[in-house]
Amino acid sequence: MLDWSAVRGSRLAHYCRRCGRRFTRFPLLAHGVSAIDGDGHNLENAVTNQWLSEACPRTFKEEDNKDRKRLRESSSQ
């Protein structure tokens, strides 16, 4: 669990040990899943959509390191 809000509930983080991709979601809300960086900041929607549409690369990718710098402008978690 990354954090908790009385309004939104718990924000859960999921981490793949194979590729290092991280995702977050609020189980109580129907907001879906968002890709996050190592500090829990939301990444751009394009990164989330790409990572969710691809199969796990099963290894760390240099392109993912570039994607982790693409933070969502209004990173409201």
Protein backbone atom coordinates (compact mmCIF):
# COMPACT_ATOMS: atom_id res chain seq x y z
CA MET A 1 0.00 0.00 0.00
CA LEU A 2 1.42 3.40 -1.00
CA ASP A 3 -0.97 5.64 0.88
CA TRP A 4 -4.53 5.99 2.13
CA SER A 5 -7.27 8.57 1.69
CA ALA A 6 -10.59 8.77 3.53
CA VAL A 7 -12.27 9.62 0.22
CA ARG A 8 -10.54 7.18 -2.15
CA GLY A 9 -9.36 4.44 0.20
CA SER A 10 -6.07 2.60 -0.10
CA ARG A 11 -3.80 3.11 -3.08
CA LEU A 12 -2.19 -0.22 -3.84
CA ALA A 13 1.05 -0.62 -5.77
CA HIS A 14 1.99 -3.62 -7.89
CA TYR A 15 5.59 -4.28 -8.90
CA CYS A 16 6.92 -6.79 -11.44
CA ARG A 17 10.23 -8.26 -10.27
CA ARG A 18 11.06 -9.38 -13.80
CA CYS A 19 10.77 -6.09 -15.72
CA GLY A 20 10.57 -3.51 -12.91
CA ARG A 21 7.34 -1.93 -14.14
CA ARG A 22 5.15 -0.51 -11.39
CA PHE A 23 1.42 0.13 -11.35
CA THR A 24 -1.05 1.55 -8.88
CA ARG A 25 -4.80 1.38 -8.39
CA PHE A 26 -7.55 2.30 -5.96
CA PRO A 27 -9.56 -0.91 -5.36
CA LEU A 28 -12.63 0.97 -4.09
CA LEU A 29 -12.87 3.19 -7.18
CA ALA A 30 -13.31 2.30 -10.81
CA HIS A 31 -10.39 4.48 -11.95
CA GLY A 32 -8.40 1.63 -13.42
CA VAL A 33 -4.67 1.13 -13.25
CA SER A 34 -1.91 3.72 -13.69
CA ALA A 35 1.78 3.22 -14.37
CA ILE A 36 3.99 4.87 -11.75
CA ASP A 37 7.65 5.70 -11.27
CA GLY A 38 9.74 4.45 -8.34
CA ASP A 39 8.45 7.25 -6.10
CA GLY A 40 4.77 6.53 -6.78
CA HIS A 41 4.14 9.43 -9.17
CA ASN A 42 1.70 8.74 -12.01
CA LEU A 43 3.21 8.44 -15.49
CA GLU A 44 1.60 9.75 -18.66
CA ASN A 45 -1.49 7.89 -19.84
CA ALA A 46 0.37 6.89 -23.01
CA VAL A 47 2.94 5.02 -20.89
CA THR A 48 0.20 3.28 -18.90
CA ASN A 49 -1.63 2.26 -22.07
CA GLN A 50 1.57 0.98 -23.70
CA TRP A 51 2.72 -1.04 -20.69
CA LEU A 52 -0.71 -2.57 -20.15
CA SER A 53 -1.07 -3.52 -23.81
CA GLU A 54 2.32 -5.26 -23.98
CA ALA A 55 3.27 -8.61 -22.55
CA CYS A 56 5.80 -8.41 -19.75
CA PRO A 57 9.26 -8.06 -21.37
CA ARG A 58 10.61 -10.33 -18.58
CA THR A 59 13.73 -8.16 -18.30
CA PHE A 60 14.57 -4.53 -17.58
CA LYS A 61 14.39 -2.38 -20.72
CA GLU A 62 16.29 0.87 -21.31
CA GLU A 63 13.18 2.33 -22.99
CA ASP A 64 11.27 1.84 -19.73
CA ASN A 65 13.79 4.06 -17.92
CA LYS A 66 12.94 6.84 -20.38
CA ASP A 67 9.22 6.21 -19.89
CA ARG A 68 9.60 6.49 -16.10
CA LYS A 69 10.60 10.16 -16.58
CA ARG A 70 7.35 10.94 -18.41
CA LEU A 71 5.29 12.12 -15.44
CA ARG A 72 1.64 13.04 -15.79
CA GLU A 73 1.29 16.83 -15.61
CA SER A 74 -1.49 16.86 -13.02
CA SER A 75 -0.12 13.96 -11.01
CA SER A 76 -3.09 13.81 -8.68
CA GLN A 77 -2.73 10.48 -6.99
